[in-house]
């Protein structure tokens, strides 16, 4: 599974957050030892962990991008301040909590930044970098080199390995040998992985030598798998049916579907119950600011290509597509009403889709449900587009939180790369990560149009 492969963005985030769990525990030790004779933690100590981790996540402390120390410190300080406000709000009645909480968060702030610096230094060090041998010398090998260059020092190019018939478009000075010598080259350059990036594979691979490399501890990856690990998406233009079959993912068992359904019902019911008081207010706002119905019903394509009716709060003028027919939403779309623009930015217009989730038409997390007209148009020119219908569409999803609102055929292709990654790596951890990213999207109003 590419989700936790070495160097993947999700793995780096998990390591940073995991380190902060230990940092939070260390930060609480002085408070626990000095305050309570029996050394028994109070409730606020237990709440300290999720609050500081979630606050740090919201303030984007766990980004793997290279940032100057000042920016990281500001983000970390904002996370600590948010944690202080939340914990103080929850436990303000406790005597003496102000000083204890402040000191604990101060220790956490110092240790968190120390841990961040240590991790960044180690991942950017050539000593810890992955040495990559690229098997191939053509256009695809050049793409691998660009992915390595974008890894911010986490990977280094050991060199290209030439084959008998692969065209040579890479710099000849970077070619370190031929495939006949790949075992010796792996040893010489201390290769951690070999990426197969051949324009033509037939007659170019010596399987026995690659097996030997693998038994030596060298990972063997093809270009689509390397792309997936590096970017968090799948290059649909570079995969074939055999890649889908041989992949360790794309296996949605009945048990997984059952678990998702149970979580969907629980999550949708709870969220609908909490937002119920807001629904009449939203309905009044829509009716007072524009003519037309409160709800907008539209045909969408669901699991296995089955059409269903989606429910949304109307965010556009009534009969907005009367003259144009089905058309993509765009930036500053003139069809969107003033209150509709706000609803789209905060995703409030999608609250009625919780009913679709309860009905079983949708899941809480999954690919965005598209209109039949767009599905037909995109599937004609995009391979594997219909494979995204292997799971139920979702209110939110990996593509929705990782990429802005789609407004063109090109955007849909890019979103498909994320959707296939989600299906290939479907897991509890990825679902939790999408929920957390969705909260961030809603709070900071990213992506809507």
Protein backbone atom coordinates (compact mmCIF):
# COMPACT_ATOMS: atom_id res chain seq x y z
CA UNK A 1 0.00 0.00 0.00
CA UNK A 2 1.43 3.36 -1.10
CA UNK A 3 -0.21 5.20 1.80
CA UNK A 4 2.63 4.48 4.22
CA UNK A 5 5.44 3.81 1.78
CA UNK A 6 8.71 5.52 2.59
CA UNK A 7 8.68 9.15 1.51
CA UNK A 8 4.92 9.42 0.98
CA UNK A 9 3.29 12.68 2.23
CA UNK A 10 0.80 10.75 4.39
CA UNK A 11 3.60 8.78 6.05
CA UNK A 12 5.53 11.96 6.84
CA UNK A 13 2.41 13.53 8.37
CA UNK A 14 1.82 10.43 10.51
CA UNK A 15 5.43 10.50 11.75
CA UNK A 16 5.24 14.19 12.68
CA UNK A 17 1.92 13.73 14.51
CA UNK A 18 3.17 10.55 16.17
CA UNK A 19 6.21 12.41 17.48
CA UNK A 20 3.92 15.07 18.91
CA UNK A 21 2.06 12.42 20.93
CA UNK A 22 5.32 11.70 22.74
CA UNK A 23 6.05 15.44 22.98
CA UNK A 24 2.62 16.04 24.57
CA UNK A 25 3.19 13.27 27.10
CA UNK A 26 6.59 14.68 28.11
CA UNK A 27 5.07 18.18 28.40
CA UNK A 28 2.50 16.93 30.90
CA UNK A 29 4.92 15.08 33.21
CA UNK A 30 5.86 18.15 35.35
CA UNK A 31 2.18 19.02 35.84
CA UNK A 32 1.24 15.48 36.84
CA UNK A 33 4.16 14.97 39.23
CA UNK A 34 4.01 18.36 40.94
CA UNK A 35 0.27 18.72 41.41
CA UNK A 36 -1.20 15.40 42.42
CA UNK A 37 0.08 13.42 45.41
CA UNK A 38 -1.21 10.19 43.91
CA UNK A 39 0.22 11.11 40.50
CA UNK A 40 -3.13 10.37 38.85
CA UNK A 41 -3.82 12.50 35.74
CA UNK A 42 -7.00 14.55 35.65
CA UNK A 43 -9.44 14.70 32.76
CA UNK A 44 -7.80 17.75 31.20
CA UNK A 45 -4.54 15.84 30.91
CA UNK A 46 -6.26 13.22 28.78
CA UNK A 47 -7.96 15.91 26.68
CA UNK A 48 -4.61 17.63 26.21
CA UNK A 49 -3.51 15.07 23.61
CA UNK A 50 -6.34 15.32 21.04
CA UNK A 51 -6.71 19.09 21.50
CA UNK A 52 -3.05 19.97 20.87
CA UNK A 53 -2.77 17.51 17.98
CA UNK A 54 -5.94 18.74 16.28
CA UNK A 55 -5.00 22.40 16.84
CA UNK A 56 -1.57 21.76 15.34
CA UNK A 57 -3.21 20.04 12.38
CA UNK A 58 -5.58 22.97 11.81
CA UNK A 59 -2.67 25.42 11.92
CA UNK A 60 -0.82 23.25 9.37
CA UNK A 61 2.11 22.47 11.63
CA UNK A 62 2.34 19.00 10.09
CA UNK A 63 2.99 20.15 6.54
CA UNK A 64 5.96 18.43 4.93
CA UNK A 65 6.85 21.48 2.86
CA UNK A 66 10.14 23.18 3.58
CA UNK A 67 9.36 26.26 5.66
CA UNK A 68 11.63 28.75 7.36
CA UNK A 69 11.83 28.39 11.14
CA UNK A 70 9.93 31.64 11.78
CA UNK A 71 6.84 30.46 9.87
CA UNK A 72 6.90 27.07 11.58
CA UNK A 73 7.20 28.77 14.97
CA UNK A 74 4.26 31.08 14.22
CA UNK A 75 2.06 28.15 13.17
CA UNK A 76 3.08 26.17 16.23
CA UNK A 77 2.38 29.15 18.50
CA UNK A 78 -1.05 29.62 16.93
CA UNK A 79 -1.78 25.95 17.56
CA UNK A 80 -0.72 26.30 21.20
CA UNK A 81 -2.85 29.43 21.63
CA UNK A 82 -5.87 27.66 20.14
CA UNK A 83 -5.27 24.70 22.46
CA UNK A 84 -5.06 27.03 25.46
CA UNK A 85 -8.38 28.66 24.55
CA UNK A 86 -10.18 25.34 24.01
CA UNK A 87 -8.86 23.65 27.16
CA UNK A 88 -9.50 26.75 29.25
CA UNK A 89 -13.07 26.87 27.94
CA UNK A 90 -13.61 23.23 28.86
CA UNK A 91 -11.90 23.23 32.27
CA UNK A 92 -11.98 26.84 33.50
CA UNK A 93 -13.63 25.75 36.76
CA UNK A 94 -10.53 23.82 37.85
CA UNK A 95 -8.49 25.68 40.42
CA UNK A 96 -4.99 26.69 39.32
CA UNK A 97 -5.37 25.34 35.79
CA UNK A 98 -4.25 28.60 34.18
CA UNK A 99 -0.61 28.34 35.24
CA UNK A 100 -0.38 24.57 34.77
CA UNK A 101 -1.94 24.70 31.33
CA UNK A 102 0.24 27.63 30.23
CA UNK A 103 3.45 25.91 31.37
CA UNK A 104 2.45 22.59 29.78
CA UNK A 105 1.72 24.28 26.46
CA UNK A 106 4.96 26.27 26.68
CA UNK A 107 6.90 23.02 27.15
CA UNK A 108 4.92 21.50 24.28
CA UNK A 109 5.70 24.48 22.01
CA UNK A 110 9.43 24.22 22.68
CA UNK A 111 9.59 20.44 22.31
CA UNK A 112 7.34 20.41 19.24
CA UNK A 113 9.56 22.83 17.36
CA UNK A 114 12.67 20.92 18.45
CA UNK A 115 11.11 17.71 17.11
CA UNK A 116 10.09 19.45 13.86
CA UNK A 117 13.62 20.78 13.31
CA UNK A 118 15.15 17.38 14.07
CA UNK A 119 12.80 15.60 11.66
CA UNK A 120 13.28 18.16 8.91
CA UNK A 121 17.07 18.05 9.27
CA UNK A 122 17.09 14.26 9.14
CA UNK A 123 14.77 13.98 6.12
CA UNK A 124 16.71 16.67 4.23
CA UNK A 125 20.06 15.07 5.01
CA UNK A 126 21.72 13.15 2.18
CA UNK A 127 22.57 10.49 4.75
CA UNK A 128 18.87 9.61 5.12
CA UNK A 129 17.91 10.25 1.48
CA UNK A 130 16.75 7.34 -0.68
CA UNK A 131 19.14 6.54 -3.51
CA UNK A 132 17.11 5.80 -6.65
CA UNK A 133 18.36 3.94 -9.70
CA UNK A 134 16.18 4.58 -12.74
CA UNK A 135 15.91 1.70 -15.17
CA UNK A 136 15.40 3.48 -18.48
CA UNK A 137 16.79 6.42 -20.42
CA UNK A 138 13.74 7.79 -22.27
CA UNK A 139 10.92 10.24 -21.65
CA UNK A 140 9.48 8.28 -18.73
CA UNK A 141 12.86 8.19 -17.02
CA UNK A 142 12.95 11.99 -17.28
CA UNK A 143 9.59 12.12 -15.51
CA UNK A 144 11.04 10.07 -12.66
CA UNK A 145 13.94 12.51 -12.37
CA UNK A 146 11.46 15.39 -12.02
CA UNK A 147 9.61 13.53 -9.25
CA UNK A 148 12.91 12.93 -7.45
CA UNK A 149 13.80 16.62 -7.79
CA UNK A 150 10.42 17.57 -6.27
CA UNK A 151 10.95 15.35 -3.20
CA UNK A 152 12.82 18.14 -1.37
CA UNK A 153 15.95 16.15 -0.67
CA UNK A 154 14.19 12.97 0.50
CA UNK A 155 15.36 11.13 -2.62
CA UNK A 156 18.45 11.39 -4.80
CA UNK A 157 19.07 10.18 -8.32
CA UNK A 158 21.90 7.63 -8.29
CA UNK A 159 21.78 7.42 -12.08
CA UNK A 160 20.09 5.95 -15.14
CA UNK A 161 20.53 2.33 -16.20
CA UNK A 162 20.60 1.77 -19.96
CA UNK A 163 18.83 -1.06 -21.78
CA UNK A 164 19.28 -2.42 -25.28
CA UNK A 165 16.38 -0.68 -27.00
CA UNK A 166 15.13 2.13 -24.76
CA UNK A 167 15.68 5.53 -26.45
CA UNK A 168 18.19 7.88 -24.84
CA UNK A 169 16.85 11.36 -24.04
CA UNK A 170 18.46 11.81 -20.61
CA UNK A 171 21.93 13.35 -20.19
CA UNK A 172 24.49 10.67 -21.11
CA UNK A 173 26.65 11.81 -18.20
CA UNK A 174 23.97 10.55 -15.81
CA UNK A 175 23.92 7.03 -17.28
CA UNK A 176 25.84 4.85 -14.83
CA UNK A 177 25.71 1.49 -16.60
CA UNK A 178 23.61 -1.11 -18.36
CA UNK A 179 20.95 -3.50 -17.15
CA UNK A 180 23.46 -6.37 -17.31
CA UNK A 181 25.34 -4.72 -14.43
CA UNK A 182 22.29 -3.70 -12.37
CA UNK A 183 23.15 -5.94 -9.40
CA UNK A 184 26.65 -4.47 -9.14
CA UNK A 185 25.29 -0.94 -9.70
CA UNK A 186 22.80 -1.42 -6.84
CA UNK A 187 25.65 -2.33 -4.52
CA UNK A 188 27.97 0.42 -5.75
CA UNK A 189 25.45 3.21 -5.35
CA UNK A 190 23.78 1.74 -2.25
CA UNK A 191 20.42 1.86 -4.05
CA UNK A 192 17.29 1.79 -1.91
CA UNK A 193 14.94 1.45 -4.88
CA UNK A 194 14.95 0.76 -8.60
CA UNK A 195 12.24 2.51 -10.59
CA UNK A 196 11.36 0.81 -13.88
CA UNK A 197 10.71 3.64 -16.34
CA UNK A 198 10.99 2.01 -19.75
CA UNK A 199 9.29 3.24 -22.89
CA UNK A 200 9.19 -0.36 -24.08
CA UNK A 201 9.51 -3.26 -21.63
CA UNK A 202 9.54 -6.22 -24.00
CA UNK A 203 13.05 -7.59 -24.34
CA UNK A 204 14.43 -4.91 -22.01
CA UNK A 205 14.09 -6.61 -18.61
CA UNK A 206 16.33 -9.28 -17.11
CA UNK A 207 13.99 -10.60 -14.45
CA UNK A 208 16.56 -12.79 -12.70
CA UNK A 209 18.80 -9.80 -11.98
CA UNK A 210 15.88 -7.72 -10.67
CA UNK A 211 14.87 -10.59 -8.37
CA UNK A 212 18.44 -10.68 -7.06
CA UNK A 213 18.27 -6.94 -6.36
CA UNK A 214 14.99 -7.37 -4.51
CA UNK A 215 16.45 -10.17 -2.36
CA UNK A 216 19.27 -7.76 -1.51
CA UNK A 217 16.69 -5.40 0.01
CA UNK A 218 16.25 -3.06 -2.97
CA UNK A 219 12.64 -2.12 -3.69
CA UNK A 220 11.54 -2.64 -7.28
CA UNK A 221 8.86 -0.17 -8.43
CA UNK A 222 7.34 0.79 -11.73
CA UNK A 223 6.72 4.42 -12.70
CA UNK A 224 2.99 4.54 -11.75
CA UNK A 225 3.73 3.15 -8.27
CA UNK A 226 6.58 5.62 -7.74
CA UNK A 227 4.33 8.46 -8.91
CA UNK A 228 1.63 7.29 -6.48
CA UNK A 229 4.00 7.21 -3.49
CA UNK A 230 5.47 10.61 -4.32
CA UNK A 231 2.32 12.59 -5.14
CA UNK A 232 -0.67 10.91 -3.49
CA UNK A 233 -2.36 10.25 -6.83
CA UNK A 234 -2.25 7.73 -9.68
CA UNK A 235 -1.15 8.66 -13.24
CA UNK A 236 -4.16 7.37 -15.19
CA UNK A 237 -2.42 7.94 -18.52
CA UNK A 238 0.46 5.61 -17.57
CA UNK A 239 -1.37 2.59 -16.12
CA UNK A 240 -2.89 -0.46 -17.80
CA UNK A 241 -5.35 -3.18 -16.71
CA UNK A 242 -2.53 -5.48 -15.54
CA UNK A 243 -1.27 -2.73 -13.19
CA UNK A 244 -4.73 -2.49 -11.61
CA UNK A 245 -4.92 -6.28 -11.23
CA UNK A 246 -1.44 -6.65 -9.74
CA UNK A 247 -1.82 -3.70 -7.38
CA UNK A 248 -2.14 -4.57 -3.70
CA UNK A 249 -5.12 -2.21 -3.46
CA UNK A 250 -8.37 -1.89 -5.44
CA UNK A 251 -9.81 -4.64 -3.22
CA UNK A 252 -13.10 -3.45 -1.75
CA UNK A 253 -14.33 -6.49 0.20
CA UNK A 254 -17.91 -6.95 1.50
CA UNK A 255 -16.54 -6.42 5.03
CA UNK A 256 -15.07 -3.03 4.08
CA UNK A 257 -18.36 -2.00 2.46
CA UNK A 258 -20.29 -3.08 5.57
CA UNK A 259 -17.97 -1.13 7.89
CA UNK A 260 -18.23 1.96 5.69
CA UNK A 261 -22.01 1.67 5.70
CA UNK A 262 -22.17 1.44 9.50
CA UNK A 263 -19.88 4.48 9.88
CA UNK A 264 -21.87 6.37 7.23
CA UNK A 265 -25.18 5.86 9.06
CA UNK A 266 -23.71 6.82 12.44
CA UNK A 267 -21.83 9.84 11.11
CA UNK A 268 -24.68 11.13 8.91
CA UNK A 269 -27.28 10.70 11.67
CA UNK A 270 -25.13 12.52 14.23
CA UNK A 271 -24.22 15.38 11.89
CA UNK A 272 -27.82 15.76 10.73
CA UNK A 273 -28.99 15.91 14.34
CA UNK A 274 -26.46 18.61 15.24
CA UNK A 275 -27.17 20.73 12.15
CA UNK A 276 -30.97 20.36 12.29
CA UNK A 277 -31.48 23.74 14.04
CA UNK A 278 -29.56 25.46 11.22
CA UNK A 279 -31.66 24.07 8.39
CA UNK A 280 -34.68 26.43 8.82
CA UNK A 281 -32.33 29.42 9.05
CA UNK A 282 -30.59 28.40 5.82
CA UNK A 283 -33.94 27.81 4.11
CA UNK A 284 -35.18 31.28 5.10
CA UNK A 285 -31.95 32.84 3.84
CA UNK A 286 -32.37 31.18 0.45
CA UNK A 287 -36.02 32.20 0.09
CA UNK A 288 -35.39 35.79 1.18
CA UNK A 289 -32.46 36.39 -1.18
CA UNK A 290 -33.60 34.71 -4.40
CA UNK A 291 -36.65 33.32 -6.17
CA UNK A 292 -37.10 29.59 -6.48
CA UNK A 293 -37.21 26.46 -4.34
CA UNK A 294 -35.05 25.90 -1.26
CA UNK A 295 -33.73 22.52 -2.40
CA UNK A 296 -32.07 21.63 -5.67
CA UNK A 297 -32.57 18.10 -7.01
CA UNK A 298 -30.29 16.76 -9.72
CA UNK A 299 -29.43 13.42 -11.33
CA UNK A 300 -25.96 12.10 -10.47
CA UNK A 301 -24.11 8.86 -11.18
CA UNK A 302 -23.61 6.55 -8.20
CA UNK A 303 -21.94 3.24 -7.41
CA UNK A 304 -21.63 0.86 -10.40
CA UNK A 305 -22.94 3.63 -12.66
CA UNK A 306 -26.42 3.63 -11.11
CA UNK A 307 -28.13 7.06 -11.36
CA UNK A 308 -29.69 8.65 -8.29
CA UNK A 309 -31.18 12.00 -7.27
CA UNK A 310 -28.92 14.19 -5.17
CA UNK A 311 -30.28 16.74 -2.66
CA UNK A 312 -28.64 20.12 -2.18
CA UNK A 313 -29.56 23.56 -0.93
CA UNK A 314 -30.06 25.72 -4.01
CA UNK A 315 -27.03 27.98 -4.41
CA UNK A 316 -27.70 29.24 -7.96
CA UNK A 317 -30.46 31.28 -9.52
CA UNK A 318 -33.56 29.26 -10.37
CA UNK A 319 -33.32 27.64 -13.84
CA UNK A 320 -29.67 28.75 -14.11
CA UNK A 321 -29.03 26.24 -16.91
CA UNK A 322 -32.25 26.80 -18.81
CA UNK A 323 -30.49 28.35 -21.82
CA UNK A 324 -27.04 26.74 -21.58
CA UNK A 325 -27.77 23.17 -20.52
CA UNK A 326 -25.34 21.28 -18.30
CA UNK A 327 -22.22 23.39 -17.80
CA UNK A 328 -19.24 23.46 -15.44
CA UNK A 329 -19.19 25.74 -12.43
CA UNK A 330 -16.45 28.36 -12.69
CA UNK A 331 -14.66 30.94 -10.59
CA UNK A 332 -16.98 33.83 -9.64
CA UNK A 333 -19.83 32.08 -11.43
CA UNK A 334 -22.54 34.70 -12.18
CA UNK A 335 -25.26 32.07 -11.71
CA UNK A 336 -24.43 31.74 -7.99
CA UNK A 337 -26.57 33.78 -5.60
CA UNK A 338 -24.92 35.90 -2.83
CA UNK A 339 -25.93 33.46 -0.10
CA UNK A 340 -25.10 30.61 -2.47
CA UNK A 341 -21.49 31.77 -2.72
CA UNK A 342 -21.19 31.61 1.07
CA UNK A 343 -22.83 28.18 1.21
CA UNK A 344 -20.51 26.81 -1.45
CA UNK A 345 -17.40 28.11 0.30
CA UNK A 346 -18.47 26.59 3.63
CA UNK A 347 -20.02 23.47 2.00
CA UNK A 348 -23.33 24.22 3.75
CA UNK A 349 -25.17 23.62 0.45
CA UNK A 350 -24.19 19.95 0.71
CA UNK A 351 -25.83 19.29 4.10
CA UNK A 352 -28.99 17.77 2.51
CA UNK A 353 -26.71 15.10 1.01
CA UNK A 354 -26.70 13.55 4.48
CA UNK A 355 -30.15 12.26 3.51
CA UNK A 356 -28.56 10.64 0.44
CA UNK A 357 -26.05 8.97 2.75
CA UNK A 358 -28.82 7.62 5.00
CA UNK A 359 -30.71 6.38 1.94
CA UNK A 360 -27.61 4.50 0.79
CA UNK A 361 -27.11 6.45 -2.46
CA UNK A 362 -23.90 8.01 -1.17
CA UNK A 363 -21.18 7.49 1.38
CA UNK A 364 -19.81 10.19 3.66
CA UNK A 365 -16.39 9.76 1.99
CA UNK A 366 -15.86 8.86 -1.65
CA UNK A 367 -15.39 10.32 -5.14
CA UNK A 368 -17.54 13.33 -6.00
CA UNK A 369 -20.79 12.28 -7.72
CA UNK A 370 -20.83 13.67 -11.26
CA UNK A 371 -23.71 14.41 -13.60
CA UNK A 372 -24.47 11.80 -16.31
CA UNK A 373 -23.66 14.31 -19.06
CA UNK A 374 -20.20 14.96 -17.63
CA UNK A 375 -19.54 11.26 -16.97
CA UNK A 376 -20.28 10.44 -20.59
CA UNK A 377 -18.08 13.29 -21.84
CA UNK A 378 -15.12 12.51 -19.55
CA UNK A 379 -15.21 8.71 -19.95
CA UNK A 380 -14.92 9.08 -23.75
CA UNK A 381 -11.48 10.67 -23.47
CA UNK A 382 -10.19 9.50 -20.07
CA UNK A 383 -9.16 5.90 -19.38
CA UNK A 384 -10.38 4.22 -16.18
CA UNK A 385 -12.84 7.01 -15.37
CA UNK A 386 -15.69 4.53 -14.83
CA UNK A 387 -13.55 2.66 -12.26
CA UNK A 388 -14.22 5.46 -9.79
CA UNK A 389 -17.79 4.14 -9.59
CA UNK A 390 -16.50 0.99 -7.81
CA UNK A 391 -17.34 2.75 -4.53
CA UNK A 392 -20.23 5.00 -3.53
CA UNK A 393 -19.74 8.70 -4.23
CA UNK A 394 -19.13 10.87 -1.18
CA UNK A 395 -19.95 14.24 0.30
CA UNK A 396 -16.21 14.66 0.79
CA UNK A 397 -13.23 12.71 -0.46
CA UNK A 398 -9.51 12.61 -1.18
CA UNK A 399 -9.91 14.53 -4.44
CA UNK A 400 -12.23 17.10 -2.85
CA UNK A 401 -9.75 18.01 -0.09
CA UNK A 402 -6.58 17.79 -2.20
CA UNK A 403 -7.71 19.67 -5.31
CA UNK A 404 -9.86 22.78 -5.91
CA UNK A 405 -13.40 22.58 -7.24
CA UNK A 406 -13.32 21.09 -10.76
CA UNK A 407 -14.47 23.36 -13.56
CA UNK A 408 -13.20 21.66 -16.71
CA UNK A 409 -12.38 18.36 -18.35
CA UNK A 410 -8.75 18.76 -17.32
CA UNK A 411 -9.75 19.27 -13.67
CA UNK A 412 -11.82 16.08 -13.80
CA UNK A 413 -8.85 14.09 -15.08
CA UNK A 414 -6.68 15.46 -12.26
CA UNK A 415 -9.38 14.61 -9.71
CA UNK A 416 -9.59 11.09 -11.16
CA UNK A 417 -5.92 10.62 -10.23
CA UNK A 418 -6.82 11.35 -6.60
CA UNK A 419 -10.00 9.23 -6.72
CA UNK A 420 -8.09 6.17 -7.93
CA UNK A 421 -5.49 6.73 -5.21
CA UNK A 422 -8.30 6.76 -2.63
CA UNK A 423 -9.81 3.52 -3.95
CA UNK A 424 -6.38 1.87 -4.14
CA UNK A 425 -5.47 2.89 -0.57
CA UNK A 426 -8.88 2.76 1.11
CA UNK A 427 -8.26 2.38 4.83
CA UNK A 428 -9.41 3.62 8.22
CA UNK A 429 -6.43 5.97 8.52
CA UNK A 430 -7.07 7.56 5.12
CA UNK A 431 -10.75 8.03 5.98
CA UNK A 432 -9.83 9.80 9.25
CA UNK A 433 -7.31 11.99 7.42
CA UNK A 434 -9.96 13.02 4.86
CA UNK A 435 -12.39 13.94 7.66
CA UNK A 436 -9.73 16.11 9.32
CA UNK A 437 -8.80 17.75 6.02
CA UNK A 438 -12.50 18.39 5.34
CA UNK A 439 -12.84 20.24 8.65
CA UNK A 440 -9.90 22.41 7.61
CA UNK A 441 -11.44 23.04 4.17
CA UNK A 442 -14.77 24.08 5.72
CA UNK A 443 -13.21 26.33 8.37
CA UNK A 444 -10.90 28.10 5.93
CA UNK A 445 -13.44 28.02 3.06
CA UNK A 446 -11.13 26.54 0.45
CA UNK A 447 -12.04 25.22 -2.96
CA UNK A 448 -15.72 26.11 -3.41
CA UNK A 449 -17.04 27.97 -6.44
